[in-house]
Amino acid sequence: AGRVWYTSGTQIARMDPYSNPVAASEDGRVRFLSYALVHGMYMKLLVWPSFLCYDYSMDAVPLVQSAADLRLLLPLASYLALL
């Protein structure tokens, strides 16, 4: 709640879809699945920081269009590891 107050929310008025394609996506399901993938990628980097990048824009993390995408096994394993 404090962060939202301090930053006046989390929306950027003029979001460039190339800078953050996940946030620019209009489909809530695609955003949810893609953010789950990002969580899995960060958990992997926390455990094994083999490839670090300062900028993940320009389709560095392709959007997840379907729940059948095999890349979602990474966040699933990450979430289960946290339990």
PDB file of N, CA and C in Angstrom:
ATOM      1  N   ALA A   1       0.828  -1.187   0.000  1.00  0.00           N
ATOM      2  CA  ALA A   1       0.000   0.000   0.000  1.00  0.00           C
ATOM      3  C   ALA A   1       0.875   1.254   0.000  1.00  0.00           C
ATOM      4  N   GLY A   2       1.959   1.220   0.749  1.00  0.00           N
ATOM      5  CA  GLY A   2       2.861   2.365   0.793  1.00  0.00           C
ATOM      6  C   GLY A   2       3.536   2.635  -0.540  1.00  0.00           C
ATOM      7  N   ARG A   3       3.911   1.573  -1.240  1.00  0.00           N
ATOM      8  CA  ARG A   3       4.557   1.731  -2.537  1.00  0.00           C
ATOM      9  C   ARG A   3       3.595   2.355  -3.542  1.00  0.00           C
ATOM     10  N   VAL A   4       2.336   1.902  -3.538  1.00  0.00           N
ATOM     11  CA  VAL A   4       1.343   2.449  -4.457  1.00  0.00           C
ATOM     12  C   VAL A   4       1.113   3.923  -4.162  1.00  0.00           C
ATOM     13  N   TRP A   5       1.050   4.287  -2.896  1.00  0.00           N
ATOM     14  CA  TRP A   5       0.890   5.689  -2.537  1.00  0.00           C
ATOM     15  C   TRP A   5       2.099   6.501  -2.996  1.00  0.00           C
ATOM     16  N   TYR A   6       3.306   5.989  -2.749  1.00  0.00           N
ATOM     17  CA  TYR A   6       4.527   6.723  -3.065  1.00  0.00           C
ATOM     18  C   TYR A   6       4.717   6.892  -4.569  1.00  0.00           C
ATOM     19  N   THR A   7       4.382   5.856  -5.336  1.00  0.00           N
ATOM     20  CA  THR A   7       4.602   5.912  -6.791  1.00  0.00           C
ATOM     21  C   THR A   7       3.358   6.321  -7.562  1.00  0.00           C
ATOM     22  N   SER A   8       2.281   6.638  -6.861  1.00  0.00           N
ATOM     23  CA  SER A   8       0.997   6.997  -7.490  1.00  0.00           C
ATOM     24  C   SER A   8       0.468   5.870  -8.365  1.00  0.00           C
ATOM     25  N   GLY A   9       0.619   4.652  -7.921  1.00  0.00           N
ATOM     26  CA  GLY A   9       0.137   3.496  -8.667  1.00  0.00           C
ATOM     27  C   GLY A   9       1.259   2.804  -9.406  1.00  0.00           C
ATOM     28  N   THR A  10       0.880   1.825 -10.176  1.00  0.00           N
ATOM     29  CA  THR A  10       1.892   1.059 -10.901  1.00  0.00           C
ATOM     30  C   THR A  10       1.759   1.195 -12.410  1.00  0.00           C
ATOM     31  N   GLN A  11       0.837   1.994 -12.879  1.00  0.00           N
ATOM     32  CA  GLN A  11       0.657   2.181 -14.310  1.00  0.00           C
ATOM     33  C   GLN A  11       1.565   3.297 -14.823  1.00  0.00           C
ATOM     34  N   ILE A  12       2.072   3.106 -16.003  1.00  0.00           N
ATOM     35  CA  ILE A  12       2.845   4.145 -16.684  1.00  0.00           C
ATOM     36  C   ILE A  12       1.937   4.726 -17.760  1.00  0.00           C
ATOM     37  N   ALA A  13       1.798   6.026 -17.772  1.00  0.00           N
ATOM     38  CA  ALA A  13       0.830   6.665 -18.656  1.00  0.00           C
ATOM     39  C   ALA A  13       1.069   6.323 -20.126  1.00  0.00           C
ATOM     40  N   ARG A  14       2.290   6.358 -20.578  1.00  0.00           N
ATOM     41  CA  ARG A  14       2.593   6.074 -21.985  1.00  0.00           C
ATOM     42  C   ARG A  14       3.534   4.881 -22.057  1.00  0.00           C
ATOM     43  N   MET A  15       2.997   3.687 -21.856  1.00  0.00           N
ATOM     44  CA  MET A  15       3.809   2.474 -21.871  1.00  0.00           C
ATOM     45  C   MET A  15       4.157   2.121 -23.316  1.00  0.00           C
ATOM     46  N   ASP A  16       5.425   2.053 -23.589  1.00  0.00           N
ATOM     47  CA  ASP A  16       5.900   1.632 -24.895  1.00  0.00           C
ATOM     48  C   ASP A  16       5.848   0.104 -24.934  1.00  0.00           C
ATOM     49  N   PRO A  17       5.101  -0.484 -25.863  1.00  0.00           N
ATOM     50  CA  PRO A  17       4.986  -1.945 -25.877  1.00  0.00           C
ATOM     51  C   PRO A  17       6.311  -2.654 -26.112  1.00  0.00           C
ATOM     52  N   TYR A  18       7.296  -1.963 -26.656  1.00  0.00           N
ATOM     53  CA  TYR A  18       8.608  -2.581 -26.857  1.00  0.00           C
ATOM     54  C   TYR A  18       9.416  -2.600 -25.560  1.00  0.00           C
ATOM     55  N   SER A  19       9.142  -1.666 -24.674  1.00  0.00           N
ATOM     56  CA  SER A  19       9.863  -1.613 -23.407  1.00  0.00           C
ATOM     57  C   SER A  19       9.367  -2.659 -22.428  1.00  0.00           C
ATOM     58  N   ASN A  20       8.064  -2.911 -22.430  1.00  0.00           N
ATOM     59  CA  ASN A  20       7.487  -3.884 -21.518  1.00  0.00           C
ATOM     60  C   ASN A  20       6.269  -4.524 -22.183  1.00  0.00           C
ATOM     61  N   PRO A  21       6.501  -5.526 -23.056  1.00  0.00           N
ATOM     62  CA  PRO A  21       5.378  -6.118 -23.781  1.00  0.00           C
ATOM     63  C   PRO A  21       4.384  -6.825 -22.874  1.00  0.00           C
ATOM     64  N   VAL A  22       4.811  -7.307 -21.713  1.00  0.00           N
ATOM     65  CA  VAL A  22       3.882  -7.984 -20.803  1.00  0.00           C
ATOM     66  C   VAL A  22       2.874  -6.969 -20.263  1.00  0.00           C
ATOM     67  N   ALA A  23       3.344  -5.846 -19.785  1.00  0.00           N
ATOM     68  CA  ALA A  23       2.445  -4.829 -19.243  1.00  0.00           C
ATOM     69  C   ALA A  23       1.567  -4.219 -20.329  1.00  0.00           C
ATOM     70  N   ALA A  24       2.055  -4.171 -21.553  1.00  0.00           N
ATOM     71  CA  ALA A  24       1.293  -3.580 -22.645  1.00  0.00           C
ATOM     72  C   ALA A  24       0.248  -4.544 -23.211  1.00  0.00           C
ATOM     73  N   SER A  25       0.330  -5.812 -22.859  1.00  0.00           N
ATOM     74  CA  SER A  25      -0.629  -6.791 -23.354  1.00  0.00           C
ATOM     75  C   SER A  25      -2.012  -6.507 -22.785  1.00  0.00           C
ATOM     76  N   GLU A  26      -3.023  -6.601 -23.636  1.00  0.00           N
ATOM     77  CA  GLU A  26      -4.383  -6.321 -23.196  1.00  0.00           C
ATOM     78  C   GLU A  26      -5.064  -7.553 -22.610  1.00  0.00           C
ATOM     79  N   ASP A  27      -4.535  -8.733 -22.870  1.00  0.00           N
ATOM     80  CA  ASP A  27      -5.125  -9.977 -22.383  1.00  0.00           C
ATOM     81  C   ASP A  27      -4.616 -10.277 -20.976  1.00  0.00           C
ATOM     82  N   GLY A  28      -5.500 -10.272 -19.998  1.00  0.00           N
ATOM     83  CA  GLY A  28      -5.110 -10.504 -18.612  1.00  0.00           C
ATOM     84  C   GLY A  28      -4.509 -11.886 -18.387  1.00  0.00           C
ATOM     85  N   ARG A  29      -4.990 -12.890 -19.126  1.00  0.00           N
ATOM     86  CA  ARG A  29      -4.468 -14.247 -18.983  1.00  0.00           C
ATOM     87  C   ARG A  29      -3.027 -14.311 -19.472  1.00  0.00           C
ATOM     88  N   VAL A  30      -2.738 -13.644 -20.576  1.00  0.00           N
ATOM     89  CA  VAL A  30      -1.372 -13.603 -21.111  1.00  0.00           C
ATOM     90  C   VAL A  30      -0.455 -12.894 -20.128  1.00  0.00           C
ATOM     91  N   ARG A  31      -0.915 -11.788 -19.536  1.00  0.00           N
ATOM     92  CA  ARG A  31      -0.108 -11.078 -18.538  1.00  0.00           C
ATOM     93  C   ARG A  31       0.170 -11.962 -17.336  1.00  0.00           C
ATOM     94  N   PHE A  32      -0.865 -12.652 -16.826  1.00  0.00           N
ATOM     95  CA  PHE A  32      -0.700 -13.514 -15.657  1.00  0.00           C
ATOM     96  C   PHE A  32       0.312 -14.620 -15.937  1.00  0.00           C
ATOM     97  N   LEU A  33       0.161 -15.311 -17.062  1.00  0.00           N
ATOM     98  CA  LEU A  33       1.068 -16.414 -17.396  1.00  0.00           C
ATOM     99  C   LEU A  33       2.487 -15.906 -17.652  1.00  0.00           C
ATOM    100  N   SER A  34       2.604 -14.756 -18.301  1.00  0.00           N
ATOM    101  CA  SER A  34       3.930 -14.212 -18.603  1.00  0.00           C
ATOM    102  C   SER A  34       4.641 -13.747 -17.332  1.00  0.00           C
ATOM    103  N   TYR A  35       3.897 -13.135 -16.409  1.00  0.00           N
ATOM    104  CA  TYR A  35       4.509 -12.738 -15.138  1.00  0.00           C
ATOM    105  C   TYR A  35       4.909 -13.962 -14.322  1.00  0.00           C
ATOM    106  N   ALA A  36       4.120 -15.040 -14.412  1.00  0.00           N
ATOM    107  CA  ALA A  36       4.505 -16.284 -13.735  1.00  0.00           C
ATOM    108  C   ALA A  36       5.831 -16.787 -14.301  1.00  0.00           C
ATOM    109  N   LEU A  37       5.982 -16.712 -15.617  1.00  0.00           N
ATOM    110  CA  LEU A  37       7.245 -17.131 -16.242  1.00  0.00           C
ATOM    111  C   LEU A  37       8.405 -16.274 -15.746  1.00  0.00           C
ATOM    112  N   VAL A  38       8.180 -14.967 -15.636  1.00  0.00           N
ATOM    113  CA  VAL A  38       9.226 -14.073 -15.138  1.00  0.00           C
ATOM    114  C   VAL A  38       9.611 -14.451 -13.705  1.00  0.00           C
ATOM    115  N   HIS A  39       8.629 -14.796 -12.882  1.00  0.00           N
ATOM    116  CA  HIS A  39       8.940 -15.245 -11.515  1.00  0.00           C
ATOM    117  C   HIS A  39       9.844 -16.470 -11.558  1.00  0.00           C
ATOM    118  N   GLY A  40       9.526 -17.422 -12.418  1.00  0.00           N
ATOM    119  CA  GLY A  40      10.353 -18.623 -12.541  1.00  0.00           C
ATOM    120  C   GLY A  40      11.755 -18.309 -13.017  1.00  0.00           C
ATOM    121  N   MET A  41      11.862 -17.385 -13.963  1.00  0.00           N
ATOM    122  CA  MET A  41      13.186 -17.005 -14.479  1.00  0.00           C
ATOM    123  C   MET A  41      14.021 -16.353 -13.378  1.00  0.00           C
ATOM    124  N   TYR A  42      13.402 -15.488 -12.585  1.00  0.00           N
ATOM    125  CA  TYR A  42      14.142 -14.846 -11.501  1.00  0.00           C
ATOM    126  C   TYR A  42      14.551 -15.846 -10.426  1.00  0.00           C
ATOM    127  N   MET A  43      13.686 -16.821 -10.158  1.00  0.00           N
ATOM    128  CA  MET A  43      14.049 -17.853  -9.180  1.00  0.00           C
ATOM    129  C   MET A  43      15.234 -18.664  -9.701  1.00  0.00           C
ATOM    130  N   LYS A  44      15.216 -18.961 -10.996  1.00  0.00           N
ATOM    131  CA  LYS A  44      16.346 -19.690 -11.591  1.00  0.00           C
ATOM    132  C   LYS A  44      17.625 -18.868 -11.489  1.00  0.00           C
ATOM    133  N   LEU A  45      17.535 -17.567 -11.748  1.00  0.00           N
ATOM    134  CA  LEU A  45      18.714 -16.711 -11.644  1.00  0.00           C
ATOM    135  C   LEU A  45      19.208 -16.598 -10.205  1.00  0.00           C
ATOM    136  N   LEU A  46      18.275 -16.661  -9.258  1.00  0.00           N
ATOM    137  CA  LEU A  46      18.663 -16.613  -7.854  1.00  0.00           C
ATOM    138  C   LEU A  46      19.478 -17.845  -7.472  1.00  0.00           C
ATOM    139  N   VAL A  47      19.094 -18.998  -8.027  1.00  0.00           N
ATOM    140  CA  VAL A  47      19.776 -20.257  -7.715  1.00  0.00           C
ATOM    141  C   VAL A  47      21.012 -20.444  -8.592  1.00  0.00           C
ATOM    142  N   TRP A  48      20.894 -20.107  -9.867  1.00  0.00           N
ATOM    143  CA  TRP A  48      21.980 -20.330 -10.824  1.00  0.00           C
ATOM    144  C   TRP A  48      22.120 -19.093 -11.717  1.00  0.00           C
ATOM    145  N   PRO A  49      22.890 -18.102 -11.318  1.00  0.00           N
ATOM    146  CA  PRO A  49      23.003 -16.851 -12.089  1.00  0.00           C
ATOM    147  C   PRO A  49      23.952 -16.964 -13.281  1.00  0.00           C
ATOM    148  N   SER A  50      23.618 -17.836 -14.208  1.00  0.00           N
ATOM    149  CA  SER A  50      24.525 -18.071 -15.330  1.00  0.00           C
ATOM    150  C   SER A  50      24.394 -17.013 -16.421  1.00  0.00           C
ATOM    151  N   PHE A  51      23.206 -16.461 -16.621  1.00  0.00           N
ATOM    152  CA  PHE A  51      23.011 -15.460 -17.671  1.00  0.00           C
ATOM    153  C   PHE A  51      22.307 -14.262 -17.060  1.00  0.00           C
ATOM    154  N   LEU A  52      23.049 -13.203 -16.818  1.00  0.00           N
ATOM    155  CA  LEU A  52      22.473 -11.990 -16.248  1.00  0.00           C
ATOM    156  C   LEU A  52      22.390 -10.918 -17.321  1.00  0.00           C
ATOM    157  N   CYS A  53      21.296 -10.188 -17.328  1.00  0.00           N
ATOM    158  CA  CYS A  53      21.070  -9.143 -18.325  1.00  0.00           C
ATOM    159  C   CYS A  53      20.479  -7.935 -17.612  1.00  0.00           C
ATOM    160  N   TYR A  54      20.926  -6.757 -17.972  1.00  0.00           N
ATOM    161  CA  TYR A  54      20.424  -5.548 -17.322  1.00  0.00           C
ATOM    162  C   TYR A  54      19.125  -5.053 -17.948  1.00  0.00           C
ATOM    163  N   ASP A  55      18.748  -5.575 -19.104  1.00  0.00           N
ATOM    164  CA  ASP A  55      17.566  -5.080 -19.805  1.00  0.00           C
ATOM    165  C   ASP A  55      16.821  -6.250 -20.436  1.00  0.00           C
ATOM    166  N   TYR A  56      15.615  -6.483 -19.980  1.00  0.00           N
ATOM    167  CA  TYR A  56      14.805  -7.572 -20.519  1.00  0.00           C
ATOM    168  C   TYR A  56      13.693  -7.048 -21.413  1.00  0.00           C
ATOM    169  N   SER A  57      13.923  -5.968 -22.146  1.00  0.00           N
ATOM    170  CA  SER A  57      12.910  -5.445 -23.055  1.00  0.00           C
ATOM    171  C   SER A  57      13.080  -6.075 -24.439  1.00  0.00           C
ATOM    172  N   MET A  58      12.286  -5.620 -25.369  1.00  0.00           N
ATOM    173  CA  MET A  58      12.362  -6.067 -26.771  1.00  0.00           C
ATOM    174  C   MET A  58      12.258  -7.584 -26.920  1.00  0.00           C
ATOM    175  N   ASP A  59      11.251  -8.167 -26.306  1.00  0.00           N
ATOM    176  CA  ASP A  59      10.939  -9.589 -26.472  1.00  0.00           C
ATOM    177  C   ASP A  59      12.030 -10.510 -25.935  1.00  0.00           C
ATOM    178  N   ALA A  60      12.784 -10.052 -24.950  1.00  0.00           N
ATOM    179  CA  ALA A  60      13.773 -10.924 -24.309  1.00  0.00           C
ATOM    180  C   ALA A  60      13.067 -12.045 -23.565  1.00  0.00           C
ATOM    181  N   VAL A  61      11.873 -11.760 -23.061  1.00  0.00           N
ATOM    182  CA  VAL A  61      11.017 -12.773 -22.453  1.00  0.00           C
ATOM    183  C   VAL A  61       9.737 -12.802 -23.285  1.00  0.00           C
ATOM    184  N   PRO A  62       9.630 -13.747 -24.226  1.00  0.00           N
ATOM    185  CA  PRO A  62       8.436 -13.784 -25.082  1.00  0.00           C
ATOM    186  C   PRO A  62       7.171 -14.035 -24.260  1.00  0.00           C
ATOM    187  N   LEU A  63       6.069 -13.434 -24.694  1.00  0.00           N
ATOM    188  CA  LEU A  63       4.802 -13.589 -23.990  1.00  0.00           C
ATOM    189  C   LEU A  63       4.361 -15.046 -23.997  1.00  0.00           C
ATOM    190  N   VAL A  64       3.731 -15.464 -22.915  1.00  0.00           N
ATOM    191  CA  VAL A  64       3.171 -16.812 -22.820  1.00  0.00           C
ATOM    192  C   VAL A  64       1.716 -16.708 -23.248  1.00  0.00           C
ATOM    193  N   GLN A  65       1.370 -17.350 -24.346  1.00  0.00           N
ATOM    194  CA  GLN A  65       0.024 -17.252 -24.907  1.00  0.00           C
ATOM    195  C   GLN A  65      -0.920 -18.331 -24.408  1.00  0.00           C
ATOM    196  N   SER A  66      -0.375 -19.436 -23.886  1.00  0.00           N
ATOM    197  CA  SER A  66      -1.206 -20.575 -23.538  1.00  0.00           C
ATOM    198  C   SER A  66      -0.706 -21.230 -22.256  1.00  0.00           C
ATOM    199  N   ALA A  67      -1.636 -21.790 -21.489  1.00  0.00           N
ATOM    200  CA  ALA A  67      -1.264 -22.506 -20.269  1.00  0.00           C
ATOM    201  C   ALA A  67      -0.546 -23.811 -20.585  1.00  0.00           C
ATOM    202  N   ALA A  68      -0.593 -24.240 -21.838  1.00  0.00           N
ATOM    203  CA  ALA A  68       0.096 -25.469 -22.250  1.00  0.00           C
ATOM    204  C   ALA A  68       1.561 -25.222 -22.615  1.00  0.00           C
ATOM    205  N   ASP A  69       2.020 -23.992 -22.499  1.00  0.00           N
ATOM    206  CA  ASP A  69       3.412 -23.654 -22.814  1.00  0.00           C
ATOM    207  C   ASP A  69       4.340 -24.353 -21.827  1.00  0.00           C
ATOM    208  N   LEU A  70       5.291 -25.095 -22.334  1.00  0.00           N
ATOM    209  CA  LEU A  70       6.200 -25.869 -21.482  1.00  0.00           C
ATOM    210  C   LEU A  70       7.102 -24.995 -20.625  1.00  0.00           C
ATOM    211  N   ARG A  71       7.296 -23.741 -21.002  1.00  0.00           N
ATOM    212  CA  ARG A  71       8.120 -22.837 -20.193  1.00  0.00           C
ATOM    213  C   ARG A  71       7.497 -22.596 -18.823  1.00  0.00           C
ATOM    214  N   LEU A  72       6.202 -22.862 -18.679  1.00  0.00           N
ATOM    215  CA  LEU A  72       5.541 -22.653 -17.392  1.00  0.00           C
ATOM    216  C   LEU A  72       5.912 -23.714 -16.370  1.00  0.00           C
ATOM    217  N   LEU A  73       6.655 -24.733 -16.781  1.00  0.00           N
ATOM    218  CA  LEU A  73       7.153 -25.710 -15.812  1.00  0.00           C
ATOM    219  C   LEU A  73       8.174 -25.064 -14.870  1.00  0.00           C
ATOM    220  N   LEU A  74       8.879 -24.056 -15.359  1.00  0.00           N
ATOM    221  CA  LEU A  74       9.870 -23.356 -14.539  1.00  0.00           C
ATOM    222  C   LEU A  74       9.216 -22.626 -13.363  1.00  0.00           C
ATOM    223  N   PRO A  75       8.192 -21.781 -13.584  1.00  0.00           N
ATOM    224  CA  PRO A  75       7.575 -21.161 -12.410  1.00  0.00           C
ATOM    225  C   PRO A  75       6.833 -22.164 -11.537  1.00  0.00           C
ATOM    226  N   LEU A  76       6.276 -23.204 -12.133  1.00  0.00           N
ATOM    227  CA  LEU A  76       5.612 -24.231 -11.326  1.00  0.00           C
ATOM    228  C   LEU A  76       6.592 -24.881 -10.363  1.00  0.00           C
ATOM    229  N   ALA A  77       7.766 -25.237 -10.870  1.00  0.00           N
ATOM    230  CA  ALA A  77       8.807 -25.828 -10.007  1.00  0.00           C
ATOM    231  C   ALA A  77       9.258 -24.823  -8.966  1.00  0.00           C
ATOM    232  N   SER A  78       9.363 -23.562  -9.327  1.00  0.00           N
ATOM    233  CA  SER A  78       9.787 -22.520  -8.380  1.00  0.00           C
ATOM    234  C   SER A  78       8.766 -22.345  -7.266  1.00  0.00           C
ATOM    235  N   TYR A  79       7.487 -22.269  -7.638  1.00  0.00           N
ATOM    236  CA  TYR A  79       6.451 -22.099  -6.624  1.00  0.00           C
ATOM    237  C   TYR A  79       6.401 -23.316  -5.705  1.00  0.00           C
ATOM    238  N   LEU A  80       6.542 -24.520  -6.266  1.00  0.00           N
ATOM    239  CA  LEU A  80       6.539 -25.716  -5.435  1.00  0.00           C
ATOM    240  C   LEU A  80       7.750 -25.769  -4.510  1.00  0.00           C
ATOM    241  N   ALA A  81       8.890 -25.261  -4.967  1.00  0.00           N
ATOM    242  CA  ALA A  81      10.090 -25.240  -4.132  1.00  0.00           C
ATOM    243  C   ALA A  81       9.919 -24.309  -2.936  1.00  0.00           C
ATOM    244  N   LEU A  82       9.104 -23.292  -3.093  1.00  0.00           N
ATOM    245  CA  LEU A  82       8.877 -22.348  -2.000  1.00  0.00           C
ATOM    246  C   LEU A  82       7.941 -22.902  -0.930  1.00  0.00           C
ATOM    247  N   LEU A  83       7.184 -23.939  -1.294  1.00  0.00           N
ATOM    248  CA  LEU A  83       6.265 -24.547  -0.302  1.00  0.00           C
ATOM    249  C   LEU A  83       7.014 -25.388   0.625  1.00  0.00           C
TER     250      LEU A  83
END
